[in-house]
Protein backbone atom coordinates (compact mmCIF):
# COMPACT_ATOMS: atom_id res chain seq x y z
CA MET A 1 0.00 0.00 0.00
CA ALA A 2 1.52 3.33 -1.06
CA VAL A 3 0.30 4.95 2.14
CA LEU A 4 2.77 2.93 4.18
CA SER A 5 5.65 2.85 1.73
CA ARG A 6 8.18 4.48 4.05
CA LEU A 7 6.98 3.53 7.50
CA PHE A 8 6.09 -0.10 6.93
CA THR A 9 8.06 -1.40 3.98
CA ASN A 10 8.43 -5.11 3.22
CA ARG A 11 6.76 -6.34 6.39
CA PRO A 12 3.59 -8.37 6.83
CA THR A 13 0.74 -6.55 8.52
CA ARG A 14 0.80 -6.53 12.35
CA GLN A 15 4.53 -7.21 12.79
CA LEU A 16 6.83 -4.79 14.55
CA LEU A 17 7.23 -1.47 12.80
CA PRO A 18 10.56 -1.20 11.01
CA CYS A 19 10.33 2.55 11.44
CA LEU A 20 11.04 2.12 15.12
CA THR A 21 14.43 0.53 14.47
CA LEU A 22 15.63 2.75 11.65
CA PRO A 23 18.13 5.49 12.49
CA PRO A 24 16.61 8.97 12.89
CA GLN A 25 16.13 11.02 9.74
CA PRO A 26 16.93 14.63 10.72
CA LYS A 27 18.48 15.43 7.32
CA ARG A 28 16.04 18.22 6.75
CA CYS A 29 13.80 20.23 9.00
CA PHE A 30 10.37 18.59 9.01
CA THR A 31 8.82 22.07 9.28
CA GLU A 32 9.58 22.68 5.60
CA ALA A 33 7.64 19.59 4.53
CA ALA A 34 4.82 20.27 6.98
CA SER A 35 4.22 23.77 5.63
CA HIS A 36 4.41 22.92 1.91
CA PRO A 37 0.97 23.23 0.24
CA SER A 38 1.39 20.01 -1.76
CA ASN A 39 1.74 17.89 1.40
CA LYS A 40 -1.92 17.46 2.26
CA THR A 41 -1.56 14.29 4.35
CA GLN A 42 1.28 13.76 6.81
CA VAL A 43 2.32 11.17 9.42
CA TYR A 44 4.91 11.67 12.17
CA ILE A 45 5.99 9.04 14.69
CA SER A 46 8.10 10.17 17.62
CA SER A 47 10.87 7.97 18.98
CA SER A 48 11.22 10.27 22.00
CA ARG A 49 9.63 9.45 25.35
CA ASP A 50 9.92 13.06 26.57
CA PRO A 51 6.34 14.31 27.10
CA PHE A 52 7.39 17.97 27.01
CA LEU A 53 9.05 17.43 23.63
CA ASN A 54 6.18 15.45 22.13
CA LEU A 55 3.60 18.04 23.15
CA SER A 56 5.85 20.83 21.85
CA VAL A 57 6.29 19.15 18.46
CA GLU A 58 2.55 18.67 18.28
CA HIS A 59 1.99 22.37 19.00
CA HIS A 60 4.68 23.40 16.53
CA LEU A 61 3.09 21.38 13.74
CA MET A 62 -0.31 22.84 14.53
CA GLN A 63 1.14 26.34 14.23
CA ASN A 64 3.35 25.78 11.18
CA SER A 65 1.71 23.18 8.96
CA HIS A 66 -0.24 24.19 5.89
CA PRO A 67 -3.85 25.07 6.84
CA ASP A 68 -5.27 22.59 4.33
CA SER A 69 -3.19 19.64 5.56
CA THR A 70 -4.21 16.80 7.86
CA ILE A 71 -1.51 15.49 10.21
CA LEU A 72 -1.31 12.33 12.33
CA ILE A 73 1.24 12.10 15.16
CA LEU A 74 1.82 8.99 17.29
CA TYR A 75 4.00 8.92 20.41
CA LYS A 76 4.56 7.33 23.80
CA ASN A 77 5.63 9.19 26.94
CA SER A 78 7.58 8.28 30.04
CA PRO A 79 5.39 8.33 33.19
CA CYS A 80 3.62 11.65 33.59
CA ILE A 81 0.35 13.23 34.63
CA VAL A 82 -1.00 15.60 32.00
CA PHE A 83 -3.76 17.98 33.04
CA GLY A 84 -5.88 20.34 30.96
CA ARG A 85 -5.18 23.97 30.08
CA ASN A 86 -7.91 25.22 32.44
CA GLN A 87 -7.42 22.79 35.31
CA ASN A 88 -6.06 23.11 38.84
CA PRO A 89 -3.21 20.71 39.71
CA TRP A 90 -3.91 21.01 43.46
CA MET A 91 -7.45 19.85 42.71
CA GLU A 92 -6.71 17.12 40.15
CA VAL A 93 -3.49 15.44 41.28
CA ASN A 94 -2.30 13.70 44.43
CA LEU A 95 0.83 15.84 44.67
CA PRO A 96 2.08 14.25 47.92
CA ARG A 97 1.96 10.90 46.13
CA LEU A 98 4.10 12.27 43.29
CA ALA A 99 6.54 13.57 45.90
CA GLN A 100 6.72 10.07 47.41
CA ILE A 101 7.42 8.60 43.99
CA ARG A 102 10.19 11.16 43.48
CA ASP A 103 11.78 10.88 46.93
CA SER A 104 11.09 7.33 48.18
CA PRO A 105 9.80 5.18 45.31
CA SER A 106 10.89 1.88 46.86
CA ALA A 107 8.85 2.59 50.00
CA ILE A 108 5.64 2.45 47.95
CA GLY A 109 6.76 -0.20 45.46
CA TRP A 110 7.14 2.18 42.51
CA THR A 111 9.78 1.22 39.93
CA ALA A 112 8.88 3.24 36.82
CA GLY A 113 10.87 6.39 37.63
CA PRO A 114 9.71 9.94 38.42
CA VAL A 115 6.25 11.05 37.30
CA GLN A 116 6.33 14.41 35.52
CA LEU A 117 3.58 16.99 36.05
CA ILE A 118 2.50 18.72 32.83
CA ARG A 119 -0.11 21.29 31.86
CA ARG A 120 -1.02 20.82 28.21
CA ARG A 121 -2.29 23.54 25.87
CA SER A 122 -5.62 21.88 25.11
CA GLY A 123 -8.66 21.60 27.35
CA GLY A 124 -10.14 18.45 28.83
CA GLY A 125 -9.37 16.44 31.93
CA THR A 126 -6.38 14.89 33.66
CA VAL A 127 -4.77 11.70 32.36
CA PHE A 128 -1.83 9.45 33.21
CA HIS A 129 0.70 8.46 30.52
CA ASP A 130 3.35 5.77 30.53
CA GLU A 131 5.00 3.59 27.91
CA GLY A 132 2.06 1.18 27.94
CA ASN A 133 -0.07 3.98 26.51
CA VAL A 134 0.09 5.29 22.92
CA ASN A 135 -1.01 8.85 22.20
CA PHE A 136 -2.58 9.82 18.89
CA SER A 137 -2.96 13.36 17.59
CA VAL A 138 -4.72 14.64 14.48
CA THR A 139 -4.52 18.24 13.27
CA CYS A 140 -6.88 19.20 10.45
CA PRO A 141 -8.72 22.18 8.92
CA PRO A 142 -11.59 23.45 11.11
CA ALA A 143 -14.14 22.62 8.40
CA ALA A 144 -13.15 18.94 8.65
CA PHE A 145 -13.17 18.78 12.45
CA ASP A 146 -15.49 16.41 14.27
CA ARG A 147 -15.03 15.25 17.86
CA ASP A 148 -15.82 11.63 17.02
CA LYS A 149 -14.22 11.25 13.57
CA HIS A 150 -10.71 10.33 14.66
CA ALA A 151 -11.81 8.49 17.78
CA ASN A 152 -13.77 6.23 15.44
CA MET A 153 -10.61 5.89 13.35
CA VAL A 154 -8.91 4.42 16.43
CA VAL A 155 -11.91 2.16 17.12
CA ARG A 156 -11.65 0.72 13.61
CA ALA A 157 -7.91 0.19 14.12
CA LEU A 158 -8.60 -1.71 17.35
CA ALA A 159 -11.27 -3.80 15.64
CA SER A 160 -8.73 -4.81 12.99
CA LEU A 161 -6.51 -6.04 15.84
CA GLY A 162 -9.22 -8.29 17.25
CA ARG A 163 -10.86 -5.82 19.62
CA PRO A 164 -14.37 -5.34 18.16
CA ASN A 165 -15.91 -4.49 21.55
CA THR A 166 -14.67 -0.88 21.60
CA ARG A 167 -16.76 2.18 20.71
CA VAL A 168 -17.01 5.95 21.11
CA ASN A 169 -19.42 7.03 23.84
CA THR A 170 -21.48 10.21 24.18
CA ARG A 171 -18.58 11.97 25.93
CA HIS A 172 -16.36 11.27 22.87
CA ASP A 173 -14.21 8.83 24.88
CA ILE A 174 -13.30 5.38 23.58
CA VAL A 175 -14.67 2.67 25.86
CA MET A 176 -14.48 -1.12 25.90
CA ASP A 177 -17.49 -3.29 26.74
CA VAL A 178 -16.54 -6.42 28.68
CA PRO A 179 -19.25 -9.12 28.80
CA ASP A 180 -19.99 -10.81 32.13
CA ASP A 181 -18.01 -8.16 34.02
CA PRO A 182 -19.55 -6.44 37.07
CA ILE A 183 -18.51 -3.01 35.78
CA GLY A 184 -19.22 -3.82 32.16
CA THR A 185 -17.77 -0.78 30.40
CA TYR A 186 -14.26 0.63 30.85
CA LYS A 187 -12.64 3.77 29.50
CA ILE A 188 -9.53 3.03 27.43
CA SER A 189 -9.05 6.41 25.78
CA GLY A 190 -9.74 10.04 26.64
CA SER A 191 -9.54 13.00 24.27
CA ALA A 192 -8.85 16.72 24.37
CA TYR A 193 -9.15 19.44 21.75
CA LYS A 194 -7.68 22.78 20.75
CA LEU A 195 -9.48 24.86 18.13
CA THR A 196 -8.12 27.94 16.37
CA ARG A 197 -9.26 29.95 13.37
CA LEU A 198 -7.03 28.02 10.96
CA ARG A 199 -6.43 24.64 12.65
CA SER A 200 -8.20 22.09 14.83
CA LEU A 201 -6.38 19.59 17.05
CA HIS A 202 -7.75 16.37 18.53
CA HIS A 203 -5.38 14.32 20.65
CA GLY A 204 -6.09 11.29 22.78
CA THR A 205 -4.66 8.41 24.76
CA CYS A 206 -5.09 4.68 24.31
CA LEU A 207 -4.35 2.33 27.21
CA LEU A 208 -2.75 -0.73 25.64
CA ARG A 209 -0.59 -2.50 28.22
CA SER A 210 0.13 -0.08 31.03
CA PRO A 211 1.94 -1.81 33.91
CA ASN A 212 0.82 0.98 36.26
CA LEU A 213 -2.93 0.66 35.82
CA THR A 214 -3.63 -0.03 39.50
CA SER A 215 -1.70 3.09 40.54
CA ILE A 216 -3.54 5.59 38.33
CA SER A 217 -6.50 6.19 40.62
CA GLY A 218 -4.30 6.95 43.62
CA MET A 219 -2.31 9.54 41.66
CA LEU A 220 -5.41 11.29 40.34
CA ARG A 221 -7.23 11.75 43.67
CA SER A 222 -6.09 14.90 45.43
CA PRO A 223 -6.22 15.09 49.25
CA ALA A 224 -6.93 18.81 48.80
CA GLU A 225 -10.06 18.26 46.69
CA GLY A 226 -12.46 18.72 49.62
CA PHE A 227 -10.95 22.10 50.50
CA ILE A 228 -10.88 23.76 47.08
CA LYS A 229 -13.49 25.61 45.07
CA THR A 230 -12.21 26.34 41.60
CA ARG A 231 -13.36 28.06 38.44
CA GLY A 232 -11.42 25.55 36.37
CA VAL A 233 -12.57 22.38 34.65
CA ASP A 234 -13.02 19.26 36.80
CA SER A 235 -12.12 15.81 35.51
CA VAL A 236 -14.78 13.11 35.16
CA ARG A 237 -13.53 9.85 36.69
CA SER A 238 -14.22 6.53 35.00
CA PRO A 239 -13.02 2.95 35.53
CA VAL A 240 -10.14 2.20 33.16
CA ARG A 241 -8.69 -0.95 31.62
CA ASN A 242 -5.95 -2.01 29.22
CA VAL A 243 -7.16 -3.04 25.78
CA ASP A 244 -4.18 -5.46 25.58
CA VAL A 245 -2.70 -5.03 22.11
CA ASP A 246 0.90 -4.54 21.04
CA SER A 247 1.88 -0.88 20.72
CA ASP A 248 3.68 -1.23 17.38
CA ALA A 249 0.77 -3.16 15.90
CA PHE A 250 -1.55 -0.45 17.18
CA LYS A 251 0.50 2.30 15.52
CA GLU A 252 0.52 0.42 12.24
CA ALA A 253 -3.23 -0.14 12.37
CA VAL A 254 -3.93 3.53 13.12
CA VAL A 255 -1.73 4.67 10.22
CA GLU A 256 -3.56 2.24 7.92
CA GLU A 257 -6.94 3.65 8.96
CA PHE A 258 -5.64 7.20 8.57
CA GLY A 259 -4.52 6.33 5.04
CA ARG A 260 -7.91 4.86 4.20
CA MET A 261 -9.57 8.08 5.35
CA TYR A 262 -7.28 10.57 3.60
CA GLY A 263 -5.57 8.71 0.77
CA LYS A 264 -1.93 8.99 -0.21
CA ILE A 265 0.41 10.10 2.59
CA HIS A 266 2.78 12.77 1.28
CA VAL A 267 5.06 13.10 4.32
CA GLN A 268 6.14 10.30 6.68
CA GLU A 269 8.82 11.17 9.23
CA ILE A 270 10.41 9.89 12.42
CA ILE A 271 10.88 12.61 15.06
CA ASN A 272 13.44 12.50 17.86
CA GLU A 273 15.21 14.87 20.27
CA ASP A 274 16.79 16.71 17.33
CA ALA A 275 13.48 18.54 17.05
CA LEU A 276 14.67 20.69 19.96
CA ASN A 277 17.02 22.39 17.49
CA ILE A 278 13.98 24.05 15.94
CA PRO A 279 13.60 27.42 17.73
CA ASN A 280 9.80 27.27 17.95
CA VAL A 281 9.87 23.74 19.38
CA ARG A 282 12.50 24.80 21.93
CA LYS A 283 10.42 27.84 22.88
CA GLY A 284 7.34 25.71 23.46
CA TYR A 285 9.37 23.10 25.34
CA ASP A 286 10.81 25.67 27.74
CA GLU A 287 7.37 27.18 28.30
CA LEU A 288 5.77 23.83 29.17
CA ARG A 289 8.53 23.15 31.72
CA SER A 290 8.30 26.57 33.37
CA ARG A 291 6.78 27.24 36.79
CA ASN A 292 4.77 30.08 35.27
CA TRP A 293 3.04 27.64 32.93
CA ILE A 294 2.60 24.58 35.17
CA LEU A 295 1.32 26.47 38.21
CA GLY A 296 0.82 30.09 37.18
CA GLN A 297 -1.80 29.35 34.54
CA THR A 298 -4.16 27.87 37.13
CA PRO A 299 -7.56 29.60 37.10
CA ARG A 300 -8.26 31.52 40.31
CA PHE A 301 -9.49 29.31 43.16
CA VAL A 302 -10.29 29.35 46.87
CA PHE A 303 -8.78 27.04 49.46
CA SER A 304 -10.99 26.92 52.56
CA THR A 305 -10.63 24.84 55.72
CA THR A 306 -14.22 25.56 56.81
CA PRO A 307 -17.57 25.89 55.00
CA TYR A 308 -18.61 29.35 53.83
CA GLU A 309 -21.52 30.87 51.90
CA ASP A 310 -20.34 30.08 48.38
CA ASP A 311 -19.04 26.63 49.32
CA PRO A 312 -21.06 25.10 52.19
CA ARG A 313 -19.56 21.61 51.86
CA GLU A 314 -18.41 19.92 55.03
CA ARG A 315 -14.62 19.80 55.09
CA PRO A 316 -12.49 16.68 55.55
CA VAL A 317 -10.29 16.33 58.61
CA LEU A 318 -7.16 18.41 58.08
CA PRO A 319 -4.04 16.28 57.41
CA PHE A 320 -2.04 18.48 59.79
CA GLU A 321 -2.53 19.95 63.26
CA VAL A 322 -3.78 23.51 63.69
CA SER A 323 -2.51 25.55 66.63
CA LYS A 324 -5.26 26.20 69.18
CA LYS A 325 -3.73 29.60 69.94
CA LYS A 326 -4.58 30.91 66.50
CA LYS A 327 -7.85 30.62 64.67
CA PRO A 328 -7.18 28.95 61.32
CA PRO A 329 -7.96 31.04 58.25
CA SER A 330 -11.36 30.27 56.76
CA ALA A 331 -10.14 30.76 53.21
CA VAL A 332 -6.99 31.20 51.20
CA TYR A 333 -7.16 33.14 47.94
CA LEU A 334 -4.42 32.24 45.50
CA CYS A 335 -3.10 34.64 42.92
CA ASP A 336 -3.41 34.03 39.18
CA ARG A 337 0.34 33.91 38.50
CA VAL A 338 3.24 32.09 40.09
CA LYS A 339 6.58 33.84 39.82
CA GLY A 340 9.70 32.10 38.61
CA GLU A 341 10.80 30.43 35.41
CA GLU A 342 12.42 27.19 36.54
CA THR A 343 10.66 23.83 36.60
CA PRO A 344 9.14 23.74 40.09
CA PRO A 345 9.48 21.03 42.69
CA ILE A 346 6.27 19.04 43.04
CA PRO A 347 4.02 21.45 44.96
CA THR A 348 1.67 20.62 47.83
CA TYR A 349 -1.51 22.45 48.53
CA PRO A 350 -1.13 25.60 50.71
CA LYS A 351 -1.51 25.62 54.47
CA THR A 352 -1.12 29.31 55.23
CA LYS A 353 -2.87 32.45 54.07
CA LYS A 354 -0.58 33.95 51.49
CA ASN A 355 -0.16 34.28 47.78
CA ILE A 356 2.32 31.89 46.14
């Protein structure tokens, strides 16, 4: 099939992708090919596991590709928690747990290395990535955008791999129906979107064979949740499950479905860390890693240890002792910006009344 001529040459369907073992191809800047008007259909597969780099390449291609082109990107990330553009990390993430993983992983039986904390540029909820999860991203003209179109592309790819019991639900997530199971339906893929005047981006996850599945829930339940009222977007929790297919076979199947939808693929490239030599990718990479972006872009929120008029919820027991000599503050208002440019240490939710 001409669509796969460079990525999957001379191999039977469903075997390991030869593209993953070829040396990188940084001979020319992929930006030139991405922006050329004749390259209507493009595929990029990243060999990097750096989530900051992969998200920065994705953003760069959205900004610099030709407005009439349609682009597929596939990548895997090292362990990280990625939360939405308008979300609150104190609300969405168990930050003390991430600190444990960083400082004393053996004490909690964690062996997969540090878990990065990342705010992406698109909306949506909070998700966990590791190397048992493949991320797909499609950038297309706004006129061609549909929230279910490319999720259904992934469903067809999974069906071709012997997983016909997957579908797109009303929330535009991909779910798997499991017969004779007490839960019955599990989420295997969540999506997020970024829409501009010239381009539309849909990116999503697909849980294939994550070895950390049982740890996800504990990392995505914040002990500060009961104390915070936020203007940001809250995540919707769902039971999750691995779909149990090989990641290389999954990538191949997705590229095949993409080719069936859009015809001949004009650009097929492998991306690696050399992409950081592109100034716009480097700029985006540094921004994603900055304290100002990770924390400072949090929508304004209130941290309150006691109920008040706008938030009458009963509060959980505080996880620290409060001095009886001083009345604890009833609310803490956090500023909209966090000063500093360096990647921050994993933060914990505030305990004193001050701006951070």
